[in-house]
Protein backbone atom coordinates (compact mmCIF):
# COMPACT_ATOMS: atom_id res chain seq x y z
CA UNK A 1 0.00 0.00 0.00
CA UNK A 2 1.44 3.31 -1.03
CA UNK A 3 0.81 6.32 1.21
CA UNK A 4 0.65 9.86 -0.13
CA UNK A 5 3.60 12.09 0.71
CA UNK A 6 1.34 14.36 2.75
CA UNK A 7 0.37 11.44 5.02
CA UNK A 8 4.00 10.49 5.50
CA UNK A 9 4.91 14.08 6.37
CA UNK A 10 2.10 14.34 8.90
CA UNK A 11 3.11 11.01 10.43
CA UNK A 12 6.71 12.17 10.73
CA UNK A 13 5.58 15.36 12.48
CA UNK A 14 3.47 13.38 14.94
CA UNK A 15 6.37 11.05 15.74
CA UNK A 16 8.69 14.03 16.24
CA UNK A 17 6.22 15.74 18.55
CA UNK A 18 5.72 12.60 20.62
CA UNK A 19 9.45 12.08 20.86
CA UNK A 20 9.90 15.62 22.15
CA UNK A 21 7.27 14.99 24.82
CA UNK A 22 8.93 11.84 26.04
CA UNK A 23 12.37 13.25 26.66
CA UNK A 24 14.51 10.77 28.53
CA UNK A 25 15.43 12.22 31.89
CA UNK A 26 18.76 11.01 33.17
CA UNK A 27 18.47 12.50 36.62
CA UNK A 28 21.40 11.91 38.94
CA UNK A 29 20.02 13.08 42.29
CA UNK A 30 18.11 10.22 43.94
CA UNK A 31 15.42 12.52 45.35
CA UNK A 32 14.84 14.02 41.91
CA UNK A 33 14.66 10.50 40.47
CA UNK A 34 11.95 9.59 42.99
CA UNK A 35 10.04 12.80 42.34
CA UNK A 36 10.21 12.20 38.59
CA UNK A 37 8.79 8.69 38.99
CA UNK A 38 5.98 10.07 41.18
CA UNK A 39 5.16 12.74 38.60
CA UNK A 40 5.17 10.18 35.78
CA UNK A 41 2.82 7.99 37.83
CA UNK A 42 0.53 10.97 38.51
CA UNK A 43 0.36 11.71 34.78
CA UNK A 44 -0.49 8.07 34.13
CA UNK A 45 -3.27 8.10 36.75
CA UNK A 46 -4.77 11.30 35.36
CA UNK A 47 -4.74 9.88 31.84
CA UNK A 48 -6.39 6.69 33.11
CA UNK A 49 -9.15 8.79 34.69
CA UNK A 50 -9.61 10.61 31.38
CA UNK A 51 -9.70 7.31 29.49
CA UNK A 52 -12.32 5.93 31.85
CA UNK A 53 -14.50 9.05 32.18
CA UNK A 54 -13.66 10.90 29.00
CA UNK A 55 -11.76 14.17 29.02
CA UNK A 56 -14.61 15.83 30.93
CA UNK A 57 -12.88 17.42 33.87
CA UNK A 58 -13.38 20.99 32.68
CA UNK A 59 -9.89 21.09 31.21
CA UNK A 60 -8.35 20.82 34.67
CA UNK A 61 -7.08 17.27 34.21
CA UNK A 62 -5.32 18.27 30.99
CA UNK A 63 -3.85 21.30 32.77
CA UNK A 64 -2.66 19.08 35.63
CA UNK A 65 -0.85 16.90 33.09
CA UNK A 66 0.77 19.97 31.53
CA UNK A 67 1.95 21.20 34.92
CA UNK A 68 3.29 17.77 35.92
CA UNK A 69 5.22 17.58 32.64
CA UNK A 70 6.56 21.07 33.29
CA UNK A 71 7.62 19.98 36.78
CA UNK A 72 9.51 17.04 35.27
CA UNK A 73 11.33 19.43 32.94
CA UNK A 74 12.21 21.71 35.87
CA UNK A 75 13.61 18.74 37.80
CA UNK A 76 15.84 17.97 34.86
CA UNK A 77 17.10 21.55 34.79
CA UNK A 78 17.55 21.63 38.57
CA UNK A 79 19.52 18.39 38.43
CA UNK A 80 22.06 20.17 36.26
CA UNK A 81 22.92 22.39 39.22
CA UNK A 82 23.79 19.52 41.55
CA UNK A 83 27.25 19.49 43.12
C-alpha atoms as a PDB file:
ATOM      1  CA  UNK A   1       0.000   0.000   0.000  1.00  0.00           C
ATOM      2  CA  UNK A   2       1.439   3.305  -1.035  1.00  0.00           C
ATOM      3  CA  UNK A   3       0.807   6.323   1.206  1.00  0.00           C
ATOM      4  CA  UNK A   4       0.653   9.859  -0.134  1.00  0.00           C
ATOM      5  CA  UNK A   5       3.601  12.093   0.714  1.00  0.00           C
ATOM      6  CA  UNK A   6       1.345  14.359   2.754  1.00  0.00           C
ATOM      7  CA  UNK A   7       0.369  11.438   5.024  1.00  0.00           C
ATOM      8  CA  UNK A   8       3.998  10.490   5.502  1.00  0.00           C
ATOM      9  CA  UNK A   9       4.912  14.075   6.371  1.00  0.00           C
ATOM     10  CA  UNK A  10       2.099  14.338   8.900  1.00  0.00           C
ATOM     11  CA  UNK A  11       3.113  11.008  10.426  1.00  0.00           C
ATOM     12  CA  UNK A  12       6.712  12.168  10.725  1.00  0.00           C
ATOM     13  CA  UNK A  13       5.583  15.358  12.484  1.00  0.00           C
ATOM     14  CA  UNK A  14       3.472  13.375  14.936  1.00  0.00           C
ATOM     15  CA  UNK A  15       6.367  11.046  15.740  1.00  0.00           C
ATOM     16  CA  UNK A  16       8.694  14.029  16.239  1.00  0.00           C
ATOM     17  CA  UNK A  17       6.216  15.735  18.554  1.00  0.00           C
ATOM     18  CA  UNK A  18       5.718  12.597  20.621  1.00  0.00           C
ATOM     19  CA  UNK A  19       9.454  12.077  20.862  1.00  0.00           C
ATOM     20  CA  UNK A  20       9.900  15.618  22.151  1.00  0.00           C
ATOM     21  CA  UNK A  21       7.268  14.989  24.819  1.00  0.00           C
ATOM     22  CA  UNK A  22       8.928  11.836  26.041  1.00  0.00           C
ATOM     23  CA  UNK A  23      12.375  13.251  26.662  1.00  0.00           C
ATOM     24  CA  UNK A  24      14.508  10.770  28.534  1.00  0.00           C
ATOM     25  CA  UNK A  25      15.432  12.222  31.885  1.00  0.00           C
ATOM     26  CA  UNK A  26      18.763  11.011  33.174  1.00  0.00           C
ATOM     27  CA  UNK A  27      18.471  12.505  36.622  1.00  0.00           C
ATOM     28  CA  UNK A  28      21.402  11.914  38.937  1.00  0.00           C
ATOM     29  CA  UNK A  29      20.023  13.085  42.287  1.00  0.00           C
ATOM     30  CA  UNK A  30      18.114  10.222  43.939  1.00  0.00           C
ATOM     31  CA  UNK A  31      15.416  12.520  45.349  1.00  0.00           C
ATOM     32  CA  UNK A  32      14.844  14.021  41.910  1.00  0.00           C
ATOM     33  CA  UNK A  33      14.659  10.503  40.465  1.00  0.00           C
ATOM     34  CA  UNK A  34      11.955   9.590  42.991  1.00  0.00           C
ATOM     35  CA  UNK A  35      10.043  12.801  42.339  1.00  0.00           C
ATOM     36  CA  UNK A  36      10.215  12.202  38.592  1.00  0.00           C
ATOM     37  CA  UNK A  37       8.793   8.695  38.993  1.00  0.00           C
ATOM     38  CA  UNK A  38       5.983  10.074  41.179  1.00  0.00           C
ATOM     39  CA  UNK A  39       5.163  12.742  38.597  1.00  0.00           C
ATOM     40  CA  UNK A  40       5.173  10.181  35.783  1.00  0.00           C
ATOM     41  CA  UNK A  41       2.816   7.989  37.834  1.00  0.00           C
ATOM     42  CA  UNK A  42       0.534  10.967  38.510  1.00  0.00           C
ATOM     43  CA  UNK A  43       0.357  11.707  34.782  1.00  0.00           C
ATOM     44  CA  UNK A  44      -0.491   8.068  34.134  1.00  0.00           C
ATOM     45  CA  UNK A  45      -3.275   8.098  36.746  1.00  0.00           C
ATOM     46  CA  UNK A  46      -4.768  11.303  35.359  1.00  0.00           C
ATOM     47  CA  UNK A  47      -4.737   9.884  31.840  1.00  0.00           C
ATOM     48  CA  UNK A  48      -6.390   6.693  33.111  1.00  0.00           C
ATOM     49  CA  UNK A  49      -9.152   8.788  34.685  1.00  0.00           C
ATOM     50  CA  UNK A  50      -9.606  10.612  31.379  1.00  0.00           C
ATOM     51  CA  UNK A  51      -9.703   7.312  29.488  1.00  0.00           C
ATOM     52  CA  UNK A  52     -12.322   5.935  31.854  1.00  0.00           C
ATOM     53  CA  UNK A  53     -14.504   9.050  32.181  1.00  0.00           C
ATOM     54  CA  UNK A  54     -13.658  10.897  29.002  1.00  0.00           C
ATOM     55  CA  UNK A  55     -11.757  14.174  29.024  1.00  0.00           C
ATOM     56  CA  UNK A  56     -14.608  15.832  30.931  1.00  0.00           C
ATOM     57  CA  UNK A  57     -12.884  17.424  33.873  1.00  0.00           C
ATOM     58  CA  UNK A  58     -13.377  20.989  32.675  1.00  0.00           C
ATOM     59  CA  UNK A  59      -9.888  21.087  31.212  1.00  0.00           C
ATOM     60  CA  UNK A  60      -8.354  20.823  34.672  1.00  0.00           C
ATOM     61  CA  UNK A  61      -7.076  17.271  34.212  1.00  0.00           C
ATOM     62  CA  UNK A  62      -5.321  18.271  30.995  1.00  0.00           C
ATOM     63  CA  UNK A  63      -3.854  21.297  32.773  1.00  0.00           C
ATOM     64  CA  UNK A  64      -2.656  19.083  35.632  1.00  0.00           C
ATOM     65  CA  UNK A  65      -0.854  16.898  33.090  1.00  0.00           C
ATOM     66  CA  UNK A  66       0.769  19.974  31.531  1.00  0.00           C
ATOM     67  CA  UNK A  67       1.955  21.196  34.916  1.00  0.00           C
ATOM     68  CA  UNK A  68       3.292  17.773  35.924  1.00  0.00           C
ATOM     69  CA  UNK A  69       5.218  17.583  32.645  1.00  0.00           C
ATOM     70  CA  UNK A  70       6.562  21.069  33.288  1.00  0.00           C
ATOM     71  CA  UNK A  71       7.618  19.983  36.779  1.00  0.00           C
ATOM     72  CA  UNK A  72       9.507  17.042  35.274  1.00  0.00           C
ATOM     73  CA  UNK A  73      11.333  19.430  32.945  1.00  0.00           C
ATOM     74  CA  UNK A  74      12.206  21.713  35.872  1.00  0.00           C
ATOM     75  CA  UNK A  75      13.610  18.742  37.795  1.00  0.00           C
ATOM     76  CA  UNK A  76      15.839  17.973  34.855  1.00  0.00           C
ATOM     77  CA  UNK A  77      17.103  21.549  34.790  1.00  0.00           C
ATOM     78  CA  UNK A  78      17.552  21.629  38.568  1.00  0.00           C
ATOM     79  CA  UNK A  79      19.521  18.392  38.435  1.00  0.00           C
ATOM     80  CA  UNK A  80      22.064  20.168  36.255  1.00  0.00           C
ATOM     81  CA  UNK A  81      22.918  22.391  39.220  1.00  0.00           C
ATOM     82  CA  UNK A  82      23.789  19.520  41.554  1.00  0.00           C
ATOM     83  CA  UNK A  83      27.245  19.494  43.118  1.00  0.00           C
END
